[in-house]
Amino acid sequence: METSNGTGTGKVVPTMAYVVGTLLIVAYLIALGFQFFDVELENKEWARRLELFNSLEAFAFAAAGVILGTTVQRQVTTKAEERADQNEVAAKKGAALEATIEAKQKKEQPKQVAQELAELADVAKKVEAEKTHAT
């Protein structure tokens, strides 16, 4: 059985990792309790227990890092996916607007060309009229 990061994509963390991590943390806390209440041990036994305790501590903190890191990463990933979805929608709207503007320009371009030609013809007539009046 696996637990997804909540978004359906990305890294999949096995449920077993959560279980093992939790057990390591619980075992660390229990060992901490034993160490705290067993202060009457001889130095040699205390040193052995301390070595085992330090090893367990390293595993417990690594497990806590995995559990907390996965939770934080899940939140970051969710926010990033939301921003990506918003940007995708905005990009689609922008593409649609661009297509609309291009279509309108293509549609109006012949009208603009005809209008400019008519203006040039008017200017040419005025120039021709001025030439005839001047001569």
N, C-alpha and C. Protein backbone atom coordinates (compact mmCIF):
# COMPACT_ATOMS: atom_id res chain seq x y z
N MET A 1 0.85 -1.19 0.00
CA MET A 1 0.00 0.00 0.00
C MET A 1 0.88 1.24 0.00
N GLU A 2 0.54 2.22 -0.84
CA GLU A 2 1.34 3.43 -0.95
C GLU A 2 0.46 4.65 -0.76
N THR A 3 1.07 5.68 -0.23
CA THR A 3 0.36 6.94 -0.03
C THR A 3 0.96 7.95 -0.98
N SER A 4 0.11 8.58 -1.76
CA SER A 4 0.59 9.60 -2.70
C SER A 4 0.83 10.88 -1.94
N ASN A 5 1.41 11.85 -2.64
CA ASN A 5 1.66 13.13 -2.00
C ASN A 5 0.42 14.02 -2.02
N GLY A 6 -0.73 13.47 -2.37
CA GLY A 6 -1.97 14.22 -2.30
C GLY A 6 -2.35 14.91 -3.60
N THR A 7 -1.49 14.92 -4.58
CA THR A 7 -1.79 15.64 -5.81
C THR A 7 -1.96 14.70 -6.99
N GLY A 8 -1.67 13.42 -6.79
CA GLY A 8 -1.80 12.48 -7.89
C GLY A 8 -0.55 12.42 -8.75
N THR A 9 0.39 13.29 -8.51
CA THR A 9 1.63 13.28 -9.27
C THR A 9 2.79 13.41 -8.32
N GLY A 10 3.96 13.25 -8.84
CA GLY A 10 5.13 13.48 -8.02
C GLY A 10 5.58 12.23 -7.30
N LYS A 11 6.31 12.43 -6.25
CA LYS A 11 6.93 11.35 -5.51
C LYS A 11 5.89 10.59 -4.69
N VAL A 12 5.95 9.27 -4.75
CA VAL A 12 5.05 8.43 -3.97
C VAL A 12 5.85 7.86 -2.81
N VAL A 13 5.35 8.10 -1.60
CA VAL A 13 6.04 7.64 -0.40
C VAL A 13 5.30 6.43 0.14
N PRO A 14 5.99 5.30 0.31
CA PRO A 14 5.31 4.11 0.83
C PRO A 14 4.79 4.34 2.24
N THR A 15 3.65 3.77 2.53
CA THR A 15 3.08 3.86 3.87
C THR A 15 4.01 3.19 4.87
N MET A 16 4.71 2.18 4.41
CA MET A 16 5.64 1.47 5.29
C MET A 16 6.71 2.43 5.82
N ALA A 17 7.12 3.42 5.03
CA ALA A 17 8.12 4.39 5.50
C ALA A 17 7.56 5.20 6.67
N TYR A 18 6.29 5.56 6.61
CA TYR A 18 5.68 6.28 7.72
C TYR A 18 5.61 5.40 8.97
N VAL A 19 5.24 4.15 8.78
CA VAL A 19 5.12 3.23 9.91
C VAL A 19 6.49 3.01 10.56
N VAL A 20 7.50 2.72 9.76
CA VAL A 20 8.84 2.49 10.29
C VAL A 20 9.37 3.75 10.95
N GLY A 21 9.16 4.89 10.33
CA GLY A 21 9.61 6.15 10.92
C GLY A 21 8.96 6.42 12.26
N THR A 22 7.67 6.20 12.33
CA THR A 22 6.95 6.40 13.59
C THR A 22 7.45 5.43 14.66
N LEU A 23 7.67 4.18 14.28
CA LEU A 23 8.18 3.19 15.25
C LEU A 23 9.57 3.57 15.75
N LEU A 24 10.42 4.07 14.85
CA LEU A 24 11.75 4.50 15.28
C LEU A 24 11.68 5.66 16.27
N ILE A 25 10.80 6.58 16.02
CA ILE A 25 10.66 7.72 16.92
C ILE A 25 10.13 7.26 18.28
N VAL A 26 9.15 6.36 18.28
CA VAL A 26 8.60 5.82 19.54
C VAL A 26 9.69 5.04 20.28
N ALA A 27 10.44 4.23 19.55
CA ALA A 27 11.53 3.45 20.19
C ALA A 27 12.56 4.39 20.80
N TYR A 28 12.85 5.49 20.11
CA TYR A 28 13.81 6.47 20.64
C TYR A 28 13.28 7.06 21.94
N LEU A 29 12.02 7.42 21.97
CA LEU A 29 11.45 8.02 23.18
C LEU A 29 11.44 7.02 24.34
N ILE A 30 11.15 5.76 24.05
CA ILE A 30 11.19 4.73 25.09
C ILE A 30 12.61 4.55 25.61
N ALA A 31 13.59 4.48 24.68
CA ALA A 31 14.99 4.34 25.09
C ALA A 31 15.43 5.55 25.90
N LEU A 32 14.95 6.71 25.54
CA LEU A 32 15.27 7.92 26.29
C LEU A 32 14.75 7.81 27.72
N GLY A 33 13.55 7.28 27.87
CA GLY A 33 12.98 7.07 29.20
C GLY A 33 13.81 6.09 30.02
N PHE A 34 14.24 4.99 29.39
CA PHE A 34 15.08 4.03 30.10
C PHE A 34 16.40 4.66 30.51
N GLN A 35 17.00 5.42 29.61
CA GLN A 35 18.27 6.06 29.93
C GLN A 35 18.10 7.06 31.09
N PHE A 36 16.98 7.74 31.09
CA PHE A 36 16.75 8.76 32.10
C PHE A 36 16.59 8.14 33.49
N PHE A 37 15.86 7.01 33.56
CA PHE A 37 15.57 6.41 34.86
C PHE A 37 16.61 5.37 35.30
N ASP A 38 17.51 4.95 34.41
CA ASP A 38 18.52 3.95 34.75
C ASP A 38 19.88 4.62 34.98
N VAL A 39 19.96 5.45 35.98
CA VAL A 39 21.21 6.16 36.22
C VAL A 39 22.16 5.40 37.14
N GLU A 40 21.74 4.28 37.69
CA GLU A 40 22.56 3.54 38.63
C GLU A 40 23.39 2.45 37.95
N LEU A 41 23.51 2.48 36.63
CA LEU A 41 24.28 1.47 35.90
C LEU A 41 25.78 1.72 36.05
N GLU A 42 26.54 0.65 35.85
CA GLU A 42 27.99 0.80 35.87
C GLU A 42 28.44 1.51 34.60
N ASN A 43 29.63 2.04 34.63
CA ASN A 43 30.15 2.83 33.52
C ASN A 43 30.20 2.04 32.22
N LYS A 44 30.61 0.78 32.28
CA LYS A 44 30.74 -0.04 31.07
C LYS A 44 29.37 -0.27 30.42
N GLU A 45 28.39 -0.63 31.23
CA GLU A 45 27.04 -0.87 30.70
C GLU A 45 26.41 0.44 30.22
N TRP A 46 26.67 1.50 30.96
CA TRP A 46 26.15 2.81 30.55
C TRP A 46 26.74 3.21 29.19
N ALA A 47 28.01 2.97 28.97
CA ALA A 47 28.67 3.31 27.71
C ALA A 47 28.07 2.48 26.56
N ARG A 48 27.83 1.21 26.80
CA ARG A 48 27.21 0.37 25.76
C ARG A 48 25.81 0.88 25.41
N ARG A 49 25.04 1.13 26.45
CA ARG A 49 23.68 1.63 26.20
C ARG A 49 23.70 2.98 25.48
N LEU A 50 24.67 3.80 25.84
CA LEU A 50 24.77 5.11 25.22
C LEU A 50 25.10 5.00 23.73
N GLU A 51 25.96 4.06 23.35
CA GLU A 51 26.27 3.82 21.94
C GLU A 51 25.02 3.38 21.18
N LEU A 52 24.29 2.44 21.77
CA LEU A 52 23.04 1.98 21.13
C LEU A 52 22.02 3.12 21.04
N PHE A 53 21.95 3.89 22.12
CA PHE A 53 21.02 5.01 22.15
C PHE A 53 21.36 6.04 21.08
N ASN A 54 22.65 6.35 20.92
CA ASN A 54 23.06 7.32 19.90
C ASN A 54 22.75 6.82 18.50
N SER A 55 22.92 5.53 18.24
CA SER A 55 22.57 4.97 16.93
C SER A 55 21.07 5.08 16.68
N LEU A 56 20.29 4.73 17.71
CA LEU A 56 18.84 4.83 17.59
C LEU A 56 18.41 6.28 17.40
N GLU A 57 19.10 7.18 18.06
CA GLU A 57 18.80 8.60 17.93
C GLU A 57 19.00 9.07 16.49
N ALA A 58 20.08 8.63 15.87
CA ALA A 58 20.35 9.02 14.48
C ALA A 58 19.24 8.52 13.56
N PHE A 59 18.82 7.28 13.74
CA PHE A 59 17.73 6.74 12.91
C PHE A 59 16.42 7.47 13.18
N ALA A 60 16.14 7.77 14.43
CA ALA A 60 14.89 8.44 14.78
C ALA A 60 14.83 9.84 14.17
N PHE A 61 15.94 10.56 14.25
CA PHE A 61 15.94 11.91 13.67
C PHE A 61 15.87 11.86 12.14
N ALA A 62 16.48 10.86 11.54
CA ALA A 62 16.36 10.70 10.09
C ALA A 62 14.91 10.40 9.71
N ALA A 63 14.26 9.54 10.49
CA ALA A 63 12.85 9.22 10.23
C ALA A 63 11.96 10.45 10.39
N ALA A 64 12.22 11.22 11.43
CA ALA A 64 11.44 12.45 11.64
C ALA A 64 11.66 13.42 10.48
N GLY A 65 12.89 13.48 9.99
CA GLY A 65 13.17 14.34 8.84
C GLY A 65 12.42 13.91 7.60
N VAL A 66 12.33 12.60 7.37
CA VAL A 66 11.58 12.10 6.22
C VAL A 66 10.11 12.44 6.35
N ILE A 67 9.56 12.20 7.53
CA ILE A 67 8.12 12.44 7.73
C ILE A 67 7.81 13.94 7.60
N LEU A 68 8.58 14.77 8.29
CA LEU A 68 8.32 16.21 8.23
C LEU A 68 8.65 16.78 6.86
N GLY A 69 9.73 16.32 6.26
CA GLY A 69 10.12 16.80 4.94
C GLY A 69 9.09 16.48 3.88
N THR A 70 8.52 15.28 3.97
CA THR A 70 7.48 14.89 3.01
C THR A 70 6.25 15.76 3.17
N THR A 71 5.89 16.06 4.41
CA THR A 71 4.72 16.91 4.66
C THR A 71 4.94 18.31 4.11
N VAL A 72 6.10 18.89 4.38
CA VAL A 72 6.40 20.24 3.89
C VAL A 72 6.47 20.25 2.37
N GLN A 73 7.14 19.24 1.80
CA GLN A 73 7.26 19.17 0.34
C GLN A 73 5.90 19.03 -0.32
N ARG A 74 4.99 18.29 0.31
CA ARG A 74 3.64 18.12 -0.23
C ARG A 74 2.94 19.48 -0.34
N GLN A 75 3.09 20.31 0.69
CA GLN A 75 2.46 21.63 0.68
C GLN A 75 3.07 22.51 -0.41
N VAL A 76 4.38 22.48 -0.54
CA VAL A 76 5.06 23.28 -1.57
C VAL A 76 4.63 22.82 -2.96
N THR A 77 4.56 21.51 -3.15
CA THR A 77 4.17 20.96 -4.45
C THR A 77 2.74 21.34 -4.79
N THR A 78 1.85 21.28 -3.81
CA THR A 78 0.45 21.64 -4.05
C THR A 78 0.33 23.10 -4.48
N LYS A 79 1.05 23.99 -3.79
CA LYS A 79 1.01 25.41 -4.17
C LYS A 79 1.59 25.63 -5.56
N ALA A 80 2.66 24.94 -5.87
CA ALA A 80 3.28 25.09 -7.19
C ALA A 80 2.35 24.60 -8.29
N GLU A 81 1.65 23.50 -8.04
CA GLU A 81 0.71 22.99 -9.04
C GLU A 81 -0.47 23.95 -9.23
N GLU A 82 -0.93 24.57 -8.15
CA GLU A 82 -2.01 25.56 -8.27
C GLU A 82 -1.56 26.74 -9.13
N ARG A 83 -0.34 27.23 -8.88
CA ARG A 83 0.18 28.34 -9.69
C ARG A 83 0.34 27.92 -11.14
N ALA A 84 0.79 26.71 -11.37
CA ALA A 84 0.95 26.22 -12.75
C ALA A 84 -0.40 26.14 -13.45
N ASP A 85 -1.43 25.68 -12.73
CA ASP A 85 -2.77 25.61 -13.33
C ASP A 85 -3.27 27.01 -13.68
N GLN A 86 -3.06 27.97 -12.78
CA GLN A 86 -3.49 29.34 -13.06
C GLN A 86 -2.74 29.92 -14.26
N ASN A 87 -1.45 29.65 -14.34
CA ASN A 87 -0.66 30.15 -15.47
C ASN A 87 -1.09 29.49 -16.77
N GLU A 88 -1.47 28.22 -16.71
CA GLU A 88 -1.93 27.53 -17.91
C GLU A 88 -3.23 28.14 -18.43
N VAL A 89 -4.14 28.44 -17.51
CA VAL A 89 -5.40 29.08 -17.89
C VAL A 89 -5.13 30.45 -18.51
N ALA A 90 -4.24 31.21 -17.87
CA ALA A 90 -3.91 32.54 -18.39
C ALA A 90 -3.26 32.44 -19.77
N ALA A 91 -2.41 31.44 -19.96
CA ALA A 91 -1.76 31.26 -21.26
C ALA A 91 -2.78 30.91 -22.34
N LYS A 92 -3.75 30.07 -22.00
CA LYS A 92 -4.80 29.72 -22.97
C LYS A 92 -5.63 30.95 -23.34
N LYS A 93 -5.94 31.79 -22.34
CA LYS A 93 -6.68 33.01 -22.61
C LYS A 93 -5.86 33.95 -23.49
N GLY A 94 -4.57 34.03 -23.22
CA GLY A 94 -3.69 34.87 -24.03
C GLY A 94 -3.59 34.39 -25.46
N ALA A 95 -3.53 33.05 -25.65
CA ALA A 95 -3.47 32.49 -27.00
C ALA A 95 -4.77 32.76 -27.75
N ALA A 96 -5.89 32.64 -27.04
CA ALA A 96 -7.18 32.91 -27.67
C ALA A 96 -7.29 34.39 -28.07
N LEU A 97 -6.81 35.27 -27.20
CA LEU A 97 -6.84 36.70 -27.51
C LEU A 97 -5.95 37.00 -28.72
N GLU A 98 -4.78 36.38 -28.77
CA GLU A 98 -3.87 36.57 -29.90
C GLU A 98 -4.53 36.11 -31.21
N ALA A 99 -5.19 34.96 -31.18
CA ALA A 99 -5.84 34.44 -32.39
C ALA A 99 -6.97 35.38 -32.83
N THR A 100 -7.70 35.92 -31.85
CA THR A 100 -8.78 36.85 -32.18
C THR A 100 -8.24 38.12 -32.82
N ILE A 101 -7.17 38.66 -32.26
CA ILE A 101 -6.57 39.88 -32.82
C ILE A 101 -6.05 39.63 -34.23
N GLU A 102 -5.37 38.51 -34.45
CA GLU A 102 -4.86 38.19 -35.79
C GLU A 102 -5.99 38.03 -36.79
N ALA A 103 -7.06 37.37 -36.39
CA ALA A 103 -8.20 37.20 -37.30
C ALA A 103 -8.82 38.55 -37.64
N LYS A 104 -8.93 39.42 -36.65
CA LYS A 104 -9.52 40.74 -36.89
C LYS A 104 -8.61 41.56 -37.81
N GLN A 105 -7.30 41.47 -37.61
CA GLN A 105 -6.37 42.20 -38.47
C GLN A 105 -6.46 41.70 -39.90
N LYS A 106 -6.54 40.40 -40.10
CA LYS A 106 -6.64 39.85 -41.46
C LYS A 106 -7.94 40.27 -42.11
N LYS A 107 -8.99 40.35 -41.33
CA LYS A 107 -10.30 40.74 -41.85
C LYS A 107 -10.32 42.22 -42.23
N GLU A 108 -9.70 43.05 -41.41
CA GLU A 108 -9.72 44.49 -41.64
C GLU A 108 -8.61 44.97 -42.56
N GLN A 109 -7.64 44.15 -42.82
CA GLN A 109 -6.50 44.57 -43.63
C GLN A 109 -6.92 45.00 -45.03
N PRO A 110 -7.75 44.26 -45.77
CA PRO A 110 -8.17 44.74 -47.09
C PRO A 110 -8.89 46.09 -47.03
N LYS A 111 -9.69 46.32 -45.98
CA LYS A 111 -10.40 47.60 -45.84
C LYS A 111 -9.40 48.72 -45.65
N GLN A 112 -8.38 48.47 -44.82
CA GLN A 112 -7.37 49.50 -44.58
C GLN A 112 -6.58 49.80 -45.84
N VAL A 113 -6.25 48.76 -46.60
CA VAL A 113 -5.50 48.96 -47.84
C VAL A 113 -6.34 49.76 -48.83
N ALA A 114 -7.62 49.41 -48.95
CA ALA A 114 -8.50 50.13 -49.86
C ALA A 114 -8.64 51.59 -49.44
N GLN A 115 -8.75 51.81 -48.14
CA GLN A 115 -8.88 53.18 -47.62
C GLN A 115 -7.60 53.98 -47.92
N GLU A 116 -6.44 53.37 -47.70
CA GLU A 116 -5.18 54.06 -47.98
C GLU A 116 -5.02 54.36 -49.47
N LEU A 117 -5.44 53.40 -50.32
CA LEU A 117 -5.38 53.64 -51.76
C LEU A 117 -6.29 54.77 -52.17
N ALA A 118 -7.48 54.84 -51.56
CA ALA A 118 -8.41 55.93 -51.87
C ALA A 118 -7.81 57.28 -51.45
N GLU A 119 -7.16 57.28 -50.26
CA GLU A 119 -6.51 58.52 -49.82
C GLU A 119 -5.39 58.93 -50.76
N LEU A 120 -4.59 57.96 -51.21
CA LEU A 120 -3.52 58.25 -52.16
C LEU A 120 -4.08 58.76 -53.49
N ALA A 121 -5.19 58.17 -53.92
CA ALA A 121 -5.82 58.63 -55.17
C ALA A 121 -6.30 60.07 -55.01
N ASP A 122 -6.87 60.39 -53.84
CA ASP A 122 -7.30 61.77 -53.59
C ASP A 122 -6.12 62.72 -53.61
N VAL A 123 -5.02 62.32 -52.99
CA VAL A 123 -3.82 63.16 -52.98
C VAL A 123 -3.31 63.34 -54.41
N ALA A 124 -3.32 62.25 -55.19
CA ALA A 124 -2.85 62.32 -56.58
C ALA A 124 -3.74 63.27 -57.39
N LYS A 125 -5.05 63.23 -57.17
CA LYS A 125 -5.97 64.11 -57.88
C LYS A 125 -5.69 65.57 -57.50
N LYS A 126 -5.44 65.81 -56.23
CA LYS A 126 -5.15 67.17 -55.79
C LYS A 126 -3.85 67.68 -56.40
N VAL A 127 -2.85 66.81 -56.43
CA VAL A 127 -1.58 67.21 -57.04
C VAL A 127 -1.77 67.49 -58.52
N GLU A 128 -2.52 66.64 -59.21
CA GLU A 128 -2.78 66.82 -60.65
C GLU A 128 -3.59 68.11 -60.86
N ALA A 129 -4.52 68.35 -59.99
CA ALA A 129 -5.31 69.58 -60.13
C ALA A 129 -4.45 70.81 -59.91
N GLU A 130 -3.53 70.74 -58.97
CA GLU A 130 -2.62 71.86 -58.74
C GLU A 130 -1.68 72.06 -59.92
N LYS A 131 -1.28 70.99 -60.57
CA LYS A 131 -0.39 71.10 -61.74
C LYS A 131 -1.14 71.80 -62.89
N THR A 132 -2.37 71.40 -63.09
CA THR A 132 -3.13 72.00 -64.19
C THR A 132 -3.44 73.47 -63.92
N HIS A 133 -3.66 73.81 -62.69
CA HIS A 133 -3.91 75.20 -62.34
C HIS A 133 -2.62 76.04 -62.46
N ALA A 134 -1.50 75.41 -62.15
CA ALA A 134 -0.24 76.12 -62.21
C ALA A 134 0.18 76.38 -63.66
N THR A 135 -0.18 75.56 -64.59
CA THR A 135 0.25 75.76 -65.98
C THR A 135 -0.76 76.52 -66.73
